[in-house]
Amino acid sequence: MRREDACLGMFVRLLSDWHDIPKGTVGSIDTVETGLDGSWCFTIFWELHRPLRSTMPGRTLARTGLQSGSLGLRLWEEDLTRFEVITQEQRTL
C-alpha cells in the first residue's frame, strides 16, 4: 500500500504475521495525520480473533475457543508496506 492509497474508512488486510496479529487480519483506516514536524502517520482498527487459554490449573490445553476484541494502533509511513487495500466485498469474505 502507498501513502496516497491511505484514506479514512478504507479497508486494508495485513500481508504477513506481525507482532501478535495474524496474516490476513482485516481492518479500516481511522485517522490519517501529518505532524508539525512533517511526520506522517495513520491509525488502523481491526477485529482480532485470538485463541482463549485454559484457566484451569493443571490443564495443558492451550486452545479452548476464540475471543474477539478491537485493537487500534498508530502506524507510520514505513508500515504501509505491511498492508494491502481491499474492497468492502473482500472484507465480508
PDB file of N, CA and C in Angstrom:
ATOM      1  N   MET A   1       0.851  -1.170   0.000  1.00  0.00           N
ATOM      2  CA  MET A   1       0.000   0.000   0.000  1.00  0.00           C
ATOM      3  C   MET A   1       0.901   1.239   0.000  1.00  0.00           C
ATOM      4  N   ARG A   2       0.445   2.279  -0.664  1.00  0.00           N
ATOM      5  CA  ARG A   2       1.202   3.529  -0.742  1.00  0.00           C
ATOM      6  C   ARG A   2       0.499   4.617   0.072  1.00  0.00           C
ATOM      7  N   ARG A   3       1.242   5.638   0.394  1.00  0.00           N
ATOM      8  CA  ARG A   3       0.690   6.737   1.198  1.00  0.00           C
ATOM      9  C   ARG A   3      -0.555   7.342   0.559  1.00  0.00           C
ATOM     10  N   GLU A   4      -0.530   7.531  -0.741  1.00  0.00           N
ATOM     11  CA  GLU A   4      -1.686   8.140  -1.423  1.00  0.00           C
ATOM     12  C   GLU A   4      -2.907   7.222  -1.426  1.00  0.00           C
ATOM     13  N   ASP A   5      -2.717   5.943  -1.114  1.00  0.00           N
ATOM     14  CA  ASP A   5      -3.838   4.998  -1.024  1.00  0.00           C
ATOM     15  C   ASP A   5      -4.556   5.079   0.324  1.00  0.00           C
ATOM     16  N   ALA A   6      -3.894   5.642   1.328  1.00  0.00           N
ATOM     17  CA  ALA A   6      -4.431   5.641   2.693  1.00  0.00           C
ATOM     18  C   ALA A   6      -5.462   6.752   2.870  1.00  0.00           C
ATOM     19  N   CYS A   7      -6.732   6.354   2.913  1.00  0.00           N
ATOM     20  CA  CYS A   7      -7.838   7.291   3.088  1.00  0.00           C
ATOM     21  C   CYS A   7      -8.703   6.831   4.258  1.00  0.00           C
ATOM     22  N   LEU A   8      -9.340   7.765   4.919  1.00  0.00           N
ATOM     23  CA  LEU A   8     -10.222   7.430   6.031  1.00  0.00           C
ATOM     24  C   LEU A   8     -11.288   6.423   5.608  1.00  0.00           C
ATOM     25  N   GLY A   9     -11.500   5.415   6.430  1.00  0.00           N
ATOM     26  CA  GLY A   9     -12.533   4.422   6.172  1.00  0.00           C
ATOM     27  C   GLY A   9     -12.138   3.321   5.215  1.00  0.00           C
ATOM     28  N   MET A  10     -10.966   3.423   4.589  1.00  0.00           N
ATOM     29  CA  MET A  10     -10.516   2.404   3.641  1.00  0.00           C
ATOM     30  C   MET A  10     -10.238   1.094   4.378  1.00  0.00           C
ATOM     31  N   PHE A  11     -10.600  -0.016   3.747  1.00  0.00           N
ATOM     32  CA  PHE A  11     -10.346  -1.333   4.327  1.00  0.00           C
ATOM     33  C   PHE A  11      -9.007  -1.866   3.851  1.00  0.00           C
ATOM     34  N   VAL A  12      -8.261  -2.456   4.786  1.00  0.00           N
ATOM     35  CA  VAL A  12      -6.941  -2.997   4.486  1.00  0.00           C
ATOM     36  C   VAL A  12      -6.805  -4.387   5.093  1.00  0.00           C
ATOM     37  N   ARG A  13      -5.866  -5.167   4.539  1.00  0.00           N
ATOM     38  CA  ARG A  13      -5.586  -6.515   5.043  1.00  0.00           C
ATOM     39  C   ARG A  13      -4.088  -6.625   5.300  1.00  0.00           C
ATOM     40  N   LEU A  14      -3.743  -7.223   6.440  1.00  0.00           N
ATOM     41  CA  LEU A  14      -2.351  -7.431   6.819  1.00  0.00           C
ATOM     42  C   LEU A  14      -1.756  -8.540   5.954  1.00  0.00           C
ATOM     43  N   LEU A  15      -0.595  -8.298   5.367  1.00  0.00           N
ATOM     44  CA  LEU A  15       0.008  -9.230   4.416  1.00  0.00           C
ATOM     45  C   LEU A  15       0.841 -10.336   5.051  1.00  0.00           C
ATOM     46  N   SER A  16       1.264 -10.158   6.297  1.00  0.00           N
ATOM     47  CA  SER A  16       2.045 -11.196   6.977  1.00  0.00           C
ATOM     48  C   SER A  16       1.828 -11.064   8.482  1.00  0.00           C
ATOM     49  N   ASP A  17       2.130 -12.127   9.218  1.00  0.00           N
ATOM     50  CA  ASP A  17       2.030 -12.058  10.671  1.00  0.00           C
ATOM     51  C   ASP A  17       2.886 -10.902  11.165  1.00  0.00           C
ATOM     52  N   TRP A  18       2.355 -10.172  12.156  1.00  0.00           N
ATOM     53  CA  TRP A  18       3.079  -9.015  12.663  1.00  0.00           C
ATOM     54  C   TRP A  18       2.758  -8.847  14.133  1.00  0.00           C
ATOM     55  N   HIS A  19       3.751  -8.954  14.972  1.00  0.00           N
ATOM     56  CA  HIS A  19       3.561  -8.980  16.424  1.00  0.00           C
ATOM     57  C   HIS A  19       2.590 -10.120  16.745  1.00  0.00           C
ATOM     58  N   ASP A  20       1.493  -9.861  17.438  1.00  0.00           N
ATOM     59  CA  ASP A  20       0.509 -10.895  17.748  1.00  0.00           C
ATOM     60  C   ASP A  20      -0.668 -10.891  16.789  1.00  0.00           C
ATOM     61  N   ILE A  21      -0.555 -10.176  15.690  1.00  0.00           N
ATOM     62  CA  ILE A  21      -1.665 -10.033  14.748  1.00  0.00           C
ATOM     63  C   ILE A  21      -1.418 -10.962  13.559  1.00  0.00           C
ATOM     64  N   PRO A  22      -2.360 -11.873  13.289  1.00  0.00           N
ATOM     65  CA  PRO A  22      -2.133 -12.847  12.213  1.00  0.00           C
ATOM     66  C   PRO A  22      -2.316 -12.269  10.806  1.00  0.00           C
ATOM     67  N   LYS A  23      -1.551 -12.828   9.877  1.00  0.00           N
ATOM     68  CA  LYS A  23      -1.686 -12.506   8.454  1.00  0.00           C
ATOM     69  C   LYS A  23      -3.149 -12.626   8.050  1.00  0.00           C
ATOM     70  N   GLY A  24      -3.607 -11.703   7.205  1.00  0.00           N
ATOM     71  CA  GLY A  24      -4.977 -11.747   6.704  1.00  0.00           C
ATOM     72  C   GLY A  24      -5.973 -10.976   7.546  1.00  0.00           C
ATOM     73  N   THR A  25      -5.546 -10.443   8.696  1.00  0.00           N
ATOM     74  CA  THR A  25      -6.449  -9.667   9.539  1.00  0.00           C
ATOM     75  C   THR A  25      -6.884  -8.421   8.779  1.00  0.00           C
ATOM     76  N   VAL A  26      -8.182  -8.123   8.822  1.00  0.00           N
ATOM     77  CA  VAL A  26      -8.755  -7.007   8.087  1.00  0.00           C
ATOM     78  C   VAL A  26      -9.095  -5.882   9.059  1.00  0.00           C
ATOM     79  N   GLY A  27      -8.871  -4.657   8.624  1.00  0.00           N
ATOM     80  CA  GLY A  27      -9.205  -3.500   9.445  1.00  0.00           C
ATOM     81  C   GLY A  27      -9.534  -2.312   8.569  1.00  0.00           C
ATOM     82  N   SER A  28      -9.743  -1.175   9.222  1.00  0.00           N
ATOM     83  CA  SER A  28     -10.026   0.045   8.471  1.00  0.00           C
ATOM     84  C   SER A  28      -9.168   1.178   8.995  1.00  0.00           C
ATOM     85  N   ILE A  29      -8.888   2.127   8.113  1.00  0.00           N
ATOM     86  CA  ILE A  29      -8.085   3.283   8.484  1.00  0.00           C
ATOM     87  C   ILE A  29      -8.993   4.283   9.180  1.00  0.00           C
ATOM     88  N   ASP A  30      -8.610   4.656  10.406  1.00  0.00           N
ATOM     89  CA  ASP A  30      -9.435   5.540  11.228  1.00  0.00           C
ATOM     90  C   ASP A  30      -8.941   6.990  11.214  1.00  0.00           C
ATOM     91  N   THR A  31      -7.644   7.192  11.128  1.00  0.00           N
ATOM     92  CA  THR A  31      -7.095   8.548  11.046  1.00  0.00           C
ATOM     93  C   THR A  31      -5.914   8.568  10.089  1.00  0.00           C
ATOM     94  N   VAL A  32      -5.681   9.725   9.490  1.00  0.00           N
ATOM     95  CA  VAL A  32      -4.502   9.997   8.682  1.00  0.00           C
ATOM     96  C   VAL A  32      -4.046  11.388   9.114  1.00  0.00           C
ATOM     97  N   GLU A  33      -2.803  11.504   9.585  1.00  0.00           N
ATOM     98  CA  GLU A  33      -2.335  12.766  10.154  1.00  0.00           C
ATOM     99  C   GLU A  33      -0.924  13.110   9.685  1.00  0.00           C
ATOM    100  N   THR A  34      -0.645  14.400   9.645  1.00  0.00           N
ATOM    101  CA  THR A  34       0.698  14.891   9.418  1.00  0.00           C
ATOM    102  C   THR A  34       1.058  15.772  10.603  1.00  0.00           C
ATOM    103  N   GLY A  35       2.179  15.457  11.261  1.00  0.00           N
ATOM    104  CA  GLY A  35       2.627  16.219  12.420  1.00  0.00           C
ATOM    105  C   GLY A  35       3.256  17.542  12.024  1.00  0.00           C
ATOM    106  N   LEU A  36       3.451  18.415  13.009  1.00  0.00           N
ATOM    107  CA  LEU A  36       4.089  19.710  12.761  1.00  0.00           C
ATOM    108  C   LEU A  36       5.493  19.549  12.204  1.00  0.00           C
ATOM    109  N   ASP A  37       6.141  18.443  12.556  1.00  0.00           N
ATOM    110  CA  ASP A  37       7.493  18.177  12.059  1.00  0.00           C
ATOM    111  C   ASP A  37       7.497  17.523  10.675  1.00  0.00           C
ATOM    112  N   GLY A  38       6.298  17.323  10.098  1.00  0.00           N
ATOM    113  CA  GLY A  38       6.197  16.722   8.769  1.00  0.00           C
ATOM    114  C   GLY A  38       6.037  15.211   8.781  1.00  0.00           C
ATOM    115  N   SER A  39       6.107  14.602   9.967  1.00  0.00           N
ATOM    116  CA  SER A  39       5.929  13.145  10.041  1.00  0.00           C
ATOM    117  C   SER A  39       4.488  12.788   9.691  1.00  0.00           C
ATOM    118  N   TRP A  40       4.333  11.673   9.015  1.00  0.00           N
ATOM    119  CA  TRP A  40       3.027  11.219   8.544  1.00  0.00           C
ATOM    120  C   TRP A  40       2.689   9.909   9.242  1.00  0.00           C
ATOM    121  N   CYS A  41       1.453   9.786   9.729  1.00  0.00           N
ATOM    122  CA  CYS A  41       1.040   8.551  10.395  1.00  0.00           C
ATOM    123  C   CYS A  41      -0.428   8.276  10.115  1.00  0.00           C
ATOM    124  N   PHE A  42      -0.838   7.057  10.424  1.00  0.00           N
ATOM    125  CA  PHE A  42      -2.234   6.664  10.283  1.00  0.00           C
ATOM    126  C   PHE A  42      -2.582   5.708  11.414  1.00  0.00           C
ATOM    127  N   THR A  43      -3.863   5.607  11.703  1.00  0.00           N
ATOM    128  CA  THR A  43      -4.336   4.680  12.721  1.00  0.00           C
ATOM    129  C   THR A  43      -5.250   3.674  12.053  1.00  0.00           C
ATOM    130  N   ILE A  44      -5.043   2.413  12.377  1.00  0.00           N
ATOM    131  CA  ILE A  44      -5.875   1.350  11.838  1.00  0.00           C
ATOM    132  C   ILE A  44      -6.553   0.621  12.994  1.00  0.00           C
ATOM    133  N   PHE A  45      -7.818   0.286  12.812  1.00  0.00           N
ATOM    134  CA  PHE A  45      -8.563  -0.503  13.779  1.00  0.00           C
ATOM    135  C   PHE A  45      -9.008  -1.788  13.100  1.00  0.00           C
ATOM    136  N   TRP A  46      -8.839  -2.900  13.779  1.00  0.00           N
ATOM    137  CA  TRP A  46      -9.297  -4.174  13.231  1.00  0.00           C
ATOM    138  C   TRP A  46      -9.785  -5.077  14.336  1.00  0.00           C
ATOM    139  N   GLU A  47     -10.552  -6.066  13.952  1.00  0.00           N
ATOM    140  CA  GLU A  47     -11.044  -7.084  14.875  1.00  0.00           C
ATOM    141  C   GLU A  47     -10.048  -8.220  14.922  1.00  0.00           C
ATOM    142  N   LEU A  48      -9.706  -8.631  16.117  1.00  0.00           N
ATOM    143  CA  LEU A  48      -8.790  -9.746  16.292  1.00  0.00           C
ATOM    144  C   LEU A  48      -9.539 -10.956  16.816  1.00  0.00           C
ATOM    145  N   HIS A  49      -9.079 -12.114  16.455  1.00  0.00           N
ATOM    146  CA  HIS A  49      -9.618 -13.368  16.971  1.00  0.00           C
ATOM    147  C   HIS A  49      -8.438 -14.175  17.466  1.00  0.00           C
ATOM    148  N   ARG A  50      -8.337 -14.307  18.789  1.00  0.00           N
ATOM    149  CA  ARG A  50      -7.205 -14.998  19.391  1.00  0.00           C
ATOM    150  C   ARG A  50      -7.687 -16.229  20.143  1.00  0.00           C
ATOM    151  N   PRO A  51      -6.861 -17.249  20.208  1.00  0.00           N
ATOM    152  CA  PRO A  51      -7.235 -18.435  20.985  1.00  0.00           C
ATOM    153  C   PRO A  51      -7.368 -18.086  22.463  1.00  0.00           C
ATOM    154  N   LEU A  52      -8.393 -18.630  23.107  1.00  0.00           N
ATOM    155  CA  LEU A  52      -8.537 -18.491  24.553  1.00  0.00           C
ATOM    156  C   LEU A  52      -7.619 -19.492  25.224  1.00  0.00           C
ATOM    157  N   ARG A  53      -7.029 -19.133  26.306  1.00  0.00           N
ATOM    158  CA  ARG A  53      -6.168 -20.031  27.070  1.00  0.00           C
ATOM    159  C   ARG A  53      -6.966 -20.652  28.204  1.00  0.00           C
ATOM    160  N   SER A  54      -6.669 -21.884  28.499  1.00  0.00           N
ATOM    161  CA  SER A  54      -7.320 -22.566  29.610  1.00  0.00           C
ATOM    162  C   SER A  54      -6.903 -21.912  30.916  1.00  0.00           C
ATOM    163  N   THR A  55      -7.874 -21.663  31.796  1.00  0.00           N
ATOM    164  CA  THR A  55      -7.561 -21.048  33.084  1.00  0.00           C
ATOM    165  C   THR A  55      -7.605 -22.067  34.211  1.00  0.00           C
ATOM    166  N   MET A  56      -7.834 -23.322  33.885  1.00  0.00           N
ATOM    167  CA  MET A  56      -7.902 -24.352  34.910  1.00  0.00           C
ATOM    168  C   MET A  56      -6.510 -24.871  35.226  1.00  0.00           C
ATOM    169  N   PRO A  57      -6.122 -24.900  36.526  1.00  0.00           N
ATOM    170  CA  PRO A  57      -4.788 -25.400  36.892  1.00  0.00           C
ATOM    171  C   PRO A  57      -4.593 -26.846  36.437  1.00  0.00           C
ATOM    172  N   GLY A  58      -3.398 -27.136  35.955  1.00  0.00           N
ATOM    173  CA  GLY A  58      -3.074 -28.499  35.547  1.00  0.00           C
ATOM    174  C   GLY A  58      -3.520 -28.848  34.146  1.00  0.00           C
ATOM    175  N   ARG A  59      -4.264 -27.980  33.494  1.00  0.00           N
ATOM    176  CA  ARG A  59      -4.713 -28.255  32.119  1.00  0.00           C
ATOM    177  C   ARG A  59      -3.634 -27.832  31.148  1.00  0.00           C
ATOM    178  N   THR A  60      -3.374 -28.654  30.155  1.00  0.00           N
ATOM    179  CA  THR A  60      -2.355 -28.319  29.167  1.00  0.00           C
ATOM    180  C   THR A  60      -2.965 -27.838  27.863  1.00  0.00           C
ATOM    181  N   LEU A  61      -4.287 -27.871  27.753  1.00  0.00           N
ATOM    182  CA  LEU A  61      -4.947 -27.392  26.547  1.00  0.00           C
ATOM    183  C   LEU A  61      -4.729 -25.896  26.395  1.00  0.00           C
ATOM    184  N   ALA A  62      -4.177 -25.494  25.290  1.00  0.00           N
ATOM    185  CA  ALA A  62      -3.943 -24.070  25.059  1.00  0.00           C
ATOM    186  C   ALA A  62      -5.143 -23.421  24.387  1.00  0.00           C
ATOM    187  N   ARG A  63      -5.868 -24.182  23.589  1.00  0.00           N
ATOM    188  CA  ARG A  63      -6.974 -23.593  22.830  1.00  0.00           C
ATOM    189  C   ARG A  63      -8.302 -24.166  23.296  1.00  0.00           C
ATOM    190  N   THR A  64      -9.147 -23.261  23.731  1.00  0.00           N
ATOM    191  CA  THR A  64     -10.475 -23.685  24.172  1.00  0.00           C
ATOM    192  C   THR A  64     -11.573 -22.939  23.433  1.00  0.00           C
ATOM    193  N   GLY A  65     -11.211 -22.112  22.471  1.00  0.00           N
ATOM    194  CA  GLY A  65     -12.193 -21.339  21.729  1.00  0.00           C
ATOM    195  C   GLY A  65     -11.565 -20.054  21.235  1.00  0.00           C
ATOM    196  N   LEU A  66     -12.381 -19.112  20.803  1.00  0.00           N
ATOM    197  CA  LEU A  66     -11.876 -17.844  20.297  1.00  0.00           C
ATOM    198  C   LEU A  66     -12.501 -16.700  21.066  1.00  0.00           C
ATOM    199  N   GLN A  67     -11.726 -15.670  21.267  1.00  0.00           N
ATOM    200  CA  GLN A  67     -12.261 -14.438  21.813  1.00  0.00           C
ATOM    201  C   GLN A  67     -11.999 -13.351  20.786  1.00  0.00           C
ATOM    202  N   SER A  68     -12.811 -12.333  20.764  1.00  0.00           N
ATOM    203  CA  SER A  68     -12.563 -11.253  19.819  1.00  0.00           C
ATOM    204  C   SER A  68     -12.468  -9.947  20.576  1.00  0.00           C
ATOM    205  N   GLY A  69     -11.783  -8.998  19.997  1.00  0.00           N
ATOM    206  CA  GLY A  69     -11.633  -7.686  20.606  1.00  0.00           C
ATOM    207  C   GLY A  69     -11.135  -6.704  19.580  1.00  0.00           C
ATOM    208  N   SER A  70     -11.357  -5.450  19.825  1.00  0.00           N
ATOM    209  CA  SER A  70     -10.943  -4.421  18.899  1.00  0.00           C
ATOM    210  C   SER A  70      -9.561  -3.909  19.288  1.00  0.00           C
ATOM    211  N   LEU A  71      -8.741  -3.648  18.296  1.00  0.00           N
ATOM    212  CA  LEU A  71      -7.399  -3.154  18.543  1.00  0.00           C
ATOM    213  C   LEU A  71      -7.105  -2.035  17.562  1.00  0.00           C
ATOM    214  N   GLY A  72      -6.539  -0.960  18.059  1.00  0.00           N
ATOM    215  CA  GLY A  72      -6.150   0.142  17.200  1.00  0.00           C
ATOM    216  C   GLY A  72      -4.709   0.501  17.454  1.00  0.00           C
ATOM    217  N   LEU A  73      -3.976   0.793  16.396  1.00  0.00           N
ATOM    218  CA  LEU A  73      -2.567   1.154  16.515  1.00  0.00           C
ATOM    219  C   LEU A  73      -2.255   2.348  15.634  1.00  0.00           C
ATOM    220  N   ARG A  74      -1.405   3.227  16.130  1.00  0.00           N
ATOM    221  CA  ARG A  74      -0.873   4.308  15.299  1.00  0.00           C
ATOM    222  C   ARG A  74       0.348   3.762  14.592  1.00  0.00           C
ATOM    223  N   LEU A  75       0.372   3.924  13.286  1.00  0.00           N
ATOM    224  CA  LEU A  75       1.449   3.391  12.458  1.00  0.00           C
ATOM    225  C   LEU A  75       2.051   4.513  11.626  1.00  0.00           C
ATOM    226  N   TRP A  76       3.218   4.249  11.062  1.00  0.00           N
ATOM    227  CA  TRP A  76       3.960   5.258  10.317  1.00  0.00           C
ATOM    228  C   TRP A  76       4.058   4.878   8.847  1.00  0.00           C
ATOM    229  N   GLU A  77       4.545   5.791   8.044  1.00  0.00           N
ATOM    230  CA  GLU A  77       4.605   5.578   6.595  1.00  0.00           C
ATOM    231  C   GLU A  77       5.339   4.295   6.229  1.00  0.00           C
ATOM    232  N   GLU A  78       6.408   3.958   6.949  1.00  0.00           N
ATOM    233  CA  GLU A  78       7.154   2.736   6.634  1.00  0.00           C
ATOM    234  C   GLU A  78       6.342   1.466   6.893  1.00  0.00           C
ATOM    235  N   ASP A  79       5.249   1.569   7.658  1.00  0.00           N
ATOM    236  CA  ASP A  79       4.392   0.412   7.930  1.00  0.00           C
ATOM    237  C   ASP A  79       3.387   0.138   6.818  1.00  0.00           C
ATOM    238  N   LEU A  80       3.227   1.061   5.883  1.00  0.00           N
ATOM    239  CA  LEU A  80       2.253   0.896   4.805  1.00  0.00           C
ATOM    240  C   LEU A  80       2.471  -0.380   4.004  1.00  0.00           C
ATOM    241  N   THR A  81       3.715  -0.801   3.838  1.00  0.00           N
ATOM    242  CA  THR A  81       4.007  -1.975   3.017  1.00  0.00           C
ATOM    243  C   THR A  81       3.480  -3.270   3.644  1.00  0.00           C
ATOM    244  N   ARG A  82       3.081  -3.219   4.891  1.00  0.00           N
ATOM    245  CA  ARG A  82       2.537  -4.398   5.572  1.00  0.00           C
ATOM    246  C   ARG A  82       1.080  -4.675   5.192  1.00  0.00           C
ATOM    247  N   PHE A  83       0.435  -3.746   4.463  1.00  0.00           N
ATOM    248  CA  PHE A  83      -0.995  -3.832   4.186  1.00  0.00           C
ATOM    249  C   PHE A  83      -1.299  -3.770   2.701  1.00  0.00           C
ATOM    250  N   GLU A  84      -2.457  -4.330   2.345  1.00  0.00           N
ATOM    251  CA  GLU A  84      -2.995  -4.157   1.004  1.00  0.00           C
ATOM    252  C   GLU A  84      -4.405  -3.595   1.143  1.00  0.00           C
ATOM    253  N   VAL A  85      -4.794  -2.775   0.188  1.00  0.00           N
ATOM    254  CA  VAL A  85      -6.136  -2.199   0.155  1.00  0.00           C
ATOM    255  C   VAL A  85      -7.106  -3.265  -0.336  1.00  0.00           C
ATOM    256  N   ILE A  86      -8.266  -3.372   0.315  1.00  0.00           N
ATOM    257  CA  ILE A  86      -9.294  -4.326  -0.125  1.00  0.00           C
ATOM    258  C   ILE A  86     -10.632  -3.607  -0.236  1.00  0.00           C
ATOM    259  N   THR A  87     -11.553  -4.213  -0.941  1.00  0.00           N
ATOM    260  CA  THR A  87     -12.890  -3.655  -1.120  1.00  0.00           C
ATOM    261  C   THR A  87     -13.821  -4.142  -0.001  1.00  0.00           C
ATOM    262  N   GLN A  88     -14.978  -3.518   0.091  1.00  0.00           N
ATOM    263  CA  GLN A  88     -15.997  -3.931   1.053  1.00  0.00           C
ATOM    264  C   GLN A  88     -16.390  -5.396   0.807  1.00  0.00           C
ATOM    265  N   GLU A  89     -16.475  -5.799  -0.448  1.00  0.00           N
ATOM    266  CA  GLU A  89     -16.841  -7.181  -0.785  1.00  0.00           C
ATOM    267  C   GLU A  89     -15.769  -8.166  -0.292  1.00  0.00           C
ATOM    268  N   GLN A  90     -14.506  -7.828  -0.471  1.00  0.00           N
ATOM    269  CA  GLN A  90     -13.419  -8.681   0.016  1.00  0.00           C
ATOM    270  C   GLN A  90     -13.414  -8.745   1.539  1.00  0.00           C
ATOM    271  N   ARG A  91     -13.810  -7.669   2.178  1.00  0.00           N
ATOM    272  CA  ARG A  91     -13.855  -7.632   3.645  1.00  0.00           C
ATOM    273  C   ARG A  91     -14.879  -8.616   4.172  1.00  0.00           C
ATOM    274  N   THR A  92     -16.036  -8.711   3.542  1.00  0.00           N
ATOM    275  CA  THR A  92     -17.086  -9.602   4.036  1.00  0.00           C
ATOM    276  C   THR A  92     -16.775 -11.065   3.804  1.00  0.00           C
ATOM    277  N   LEU A  93     -15.865 -11.353   2.870  1.00  0.00           N
ATOM    278  CA  LEU A  93     -15.473 -12.735   2.633  1.00  0.00           C
ATOM    279  C   LEU A  93     -14.626 -13.207   3.775  1.00  0.00           C
TER     280      LEU A  93
END
